[in-house]
Amino acid sequence: METLTRAGLAEAIYAEVGLSRHESADLLEAVLERISATLEAGETVKISGFGTFLLREKGERIGRNPKTGVEVPILPRRVLT
């Protein structure tokens, strides 16, 4: 399976829609920026037929270094699911 990249998506937009390569890349960046801004605002993004993206708050917890077995605190963070 091939990795999906921005360049690959822009090329697919170019091939399907018929915009120039530069316009296709600009369109892709605008869409990705809009998705990022929506997620940063705490809202959910649903792309019908593809998936739903949301940010989830993870609390502080204790993790363990698998190599040494030493316990390490993992700080709270927001993760994309």
C-alpha atoms as a PDB file:
ATOM      1  CA  MET A   1       0.000   0.000   0.000  1.00  0.00           C
ATOM      2  CA  GLU A   2       1.350   3.403  -0.969  1.00  0.00           C
ATOM      3  CA  THR A   3       1.552   6.246   1.556  1.00  0.00           C
ATOM      4  CA  LEU A   4      -0.977   9.017   1.028  1.00  0.00           C
ATOM      5  CA  THR A   5       0.809  12.380   0.844  1.00  0.00           C
ATOM      6  CA  ARG A   6      -0.175  15.981   0.216  1.00  0.00           C
ATOM      7  CA  ALA A   7       1.532  15.811  -3.161  1.00  0.00           C
ATOM      8  CA  GLY A   8      -0.434  12.673  -4.042  1.00  0.00           C
ATOM      9  CA  LEU A   9      -3.710  14.258  -3.003  1.00  0.00           C
ATOM     10  CA  ALA A  10      -2.938  17.430  -4.955  1.00  0.00           C
ATOM     11  CA  GLU A  11      -2.114  15.317  -8.018  1.00  0.00           C
ATOM     12  CA  ALA A  12      -5.415  13.424  -7.648  1.00  0.00           C
ATOM     13  CA  ILE A  13      -7.307  16.726  -7.466  1.00  0.00           C
ATOM     14  CA  TYR A  14      -5.439  17.896 -10.568  1.00  0.00           C
ATOM     15  CA  ALA A  15      -6.358  14.712 -12.465  1.00  0.00           C
ATOM     16  CA  GLU A  16     -10.011  14.549 -11.369  1.00  0.00           C
ATOM     17  CA  VAL A  17     -11.090  18.189 -11.275  1.00  0.00           C
ATOM     18  CA  GLY A  18      -8.934  19.677 -13.980  1.00  0.00           C
ATOM     19  CA  LEU A  19      -7.526  22.584 -12.000  1.00  0.00           C
ATOM     20  CA  SER A  20      -3.886  23.485 -12.536  1.00  0.00           C
ATOM     21  CA  ARG A  21      -1.354  21.756 -10.294  1.00  0.00           C
ATOM     22  CA  HIS A  22      -0.793  25.001  -8.375  1.00  0.00           C
ATOM     23  CA  GLU A  23      -4.542  25.564  -7.906  1.00  0.00           C
ATOM     24  CA  SER A  24      -4.978  21.933  -6.826  1.00  0.00           C
ATOM     25  CA  ALA A  25      -2.256  22.295  -4.193  1.00  0.00           C
ATOM     26  CA  ASP A  26      -3.773  25.579  -2.964  1.00  0.00           C
ATOM     27  CA  LEU A  27      -7.224  23.985  -2.723  1.00  0.00           C
ATOM     28  CA  LEU A  28      -5.843  21.046  -0.744  1.00  0.00           C
ATOM     29  CA  GLU A  29      -3.989  23.358   1.654  1.00  0.00           C
ATOM     30  CA  ALA A  30      -7.167  25.412   2.183  1.00  0.00           C
ATOM     31  CA  VAL A  31      -9.173  22.289   3.015  1.00  0.00           C
ATOM     32  CA  LEU A  32      -6.512  20.942   5.397  1.00  0.00           C
ATOM     33  CA  GLU A  33      -6.207  24.352   7.080  1.00  0.00           C
ATOM     34  CA  ARG A  34      -9.979  24.487   7.563  1.00  0.00           C
ATOM     35  CA  ILE A  35      -9.992  20.985   9.086  1.00  0.00           C
ATOM     36  CA  SER A  36      -7.106  21.922  11.416  1.00  0.00           C
ATOM     37  CA  ALA A  37      -8.756  25.168  12.518  1.00  0.00           C
ATOM     38  CA  THR A  38     -12.035  23.379  13.225  1.00  0.00           C
ATOM     39  CA  LEU A  39     -10.273  20.724  15.325  1.00  0.00           C
ATOM     40  CA  GLU A  40      -8.282  23.384  17.204  1.00  0.00           C
ATOM     41  CA  ALA A  41     -11.573  25.113  18.041  1.00  0.00           C
ATOM     42  CA  GLY A  42     -12.692  21.874  19.725  1.00  0.00           C
ATOM     43  CA  GLU A  43     -15.236  20.887  17.098  1.00  0.00           C
ATOM     44  CA  THR A  44     -15.619  17.505  15.402  1.00  0.00           C
ATOM     45  CA  VAL A  45     -14.926  17.072  11.677  1.00  0.00           C
ATOM     46  CA  LYS A  46     -16.968  14.465   9.810  1.00  0.00           C
ATOM     47  CA  ILE A  47     -16.174  13.595   6.203  1.00  0.00           C
ATOM     48  CA  SER A  48     -19.054  11.474   4.966  1.00  0.00           C
ATOM     49  CA  GLY A  49     -17.892   8.132   3.584  1.00  0.00           C
ATOM     50  CA  PHE A  50     -14.414   8.598   5.045  1.00  0.00           C
ATOM     51  CA  GLY A  51     -14.374   9.199   8.791  1.00  0.00           C
ATOM     52  CA  THR A  52     -14.825  11.429  11.804  1.00  0.00           C
ATOM     53  CA  PHE A  53     -11.985  13.340  13.455  1.00  0.00           C
ATOM     54  CA  LEU A  54     -12.017  14.760  16.954  1.00  0.00           C
ATOM     55  CA  LEU A  55      -9.593  15.899  19.622  1.00  0.00           C
ATOM     56  CA  ARG A  56      -9.599  13.992  22.891  1.00  0.00           C
ATOM     57  CA  GLU A  57      -8.038  15.097  26.170  1.00  0.00           C
ATOM     58  CA  LYS A  58      -5.785  12.475  27.756  1.00  0.00           C
ATOM     59  CA  GLY A  59      -4.932  12.882  31.404  1.00  0.00           C
ATOM     60  CA  GLU A  60      -1.573  12.455  33.088  1.00  0.00           C
ATOM     61  CA  ARG A  61      -0.581   8.846  33.656  1.00  0.00           C
ATOM     62  CA  ILE A  62       2.388   6.702  34.509  1.00  0.00           C
ATOM     63  CA  GLY A  63       4.136   4.960  31.625  1.00  0.00           C
ATOM     64  CA  ARG A  64       6.993   2.523  31.601  1.00  0.00           C
ATOM     65  CA  ASN A  65      10.124   2.477  29.466  1.00  0.00           C
ATOM     66  CA  PRO A  66       9.883  -0.975  27.842  1.00  0.00           C
ATOM     67  CA  LYS A  67      13.646  -1.331  27.594  1.00  0.00           C
ATOM     68  CA  THR A  68      14.573  -0.424  31.170  1.00  0.00           C
ATOM     69  CA  GLY A  69      11.292  -0.867  33.029  1.00  0.00           C
ATOM     70  CA  VAL A  70      11.659   2.583  34.633  1.00  0.00           C
ATOM     71  CA  GLU A  71       8.353   4.338  35.373  1.00  0.00           C
ATOM     72  CA  VAL A  72       7.962   7.750  33.728  1.00  0.00           C
ATOM     73  CA  PRO A  73       5.094  10.243  34.050  1.00  0.00           C
ATOM     74  CA  ILE A  74       3.307  10.960  30.763  1.00  0.00           C
ATOM     75  CA  LEU A  75       2.004  14.527  30.704  1.00  0.00           C
ATOM     76  CA  PRO A  76      -1.602  15.354  29.804  1.00  0.00           C
ATOM     77  CA  ARG A  77      -2.150  16.107  26.145  1.00  0.00           C
ATOM     78  CA  ARG A  78      -4.681  16.408  23.346  1.00  0.00           C
ATOM     79  CA  VAL A  79      -4.726  13.653  20.735  1.00  0.00           C
ATOM     80  CA  LEU A  80      -6.445  13.369  17.373  1.00  0.00           C
ATOM     81  CA  THR A  81      -8.740  10.351  17.050  1.00  0.00           C
END
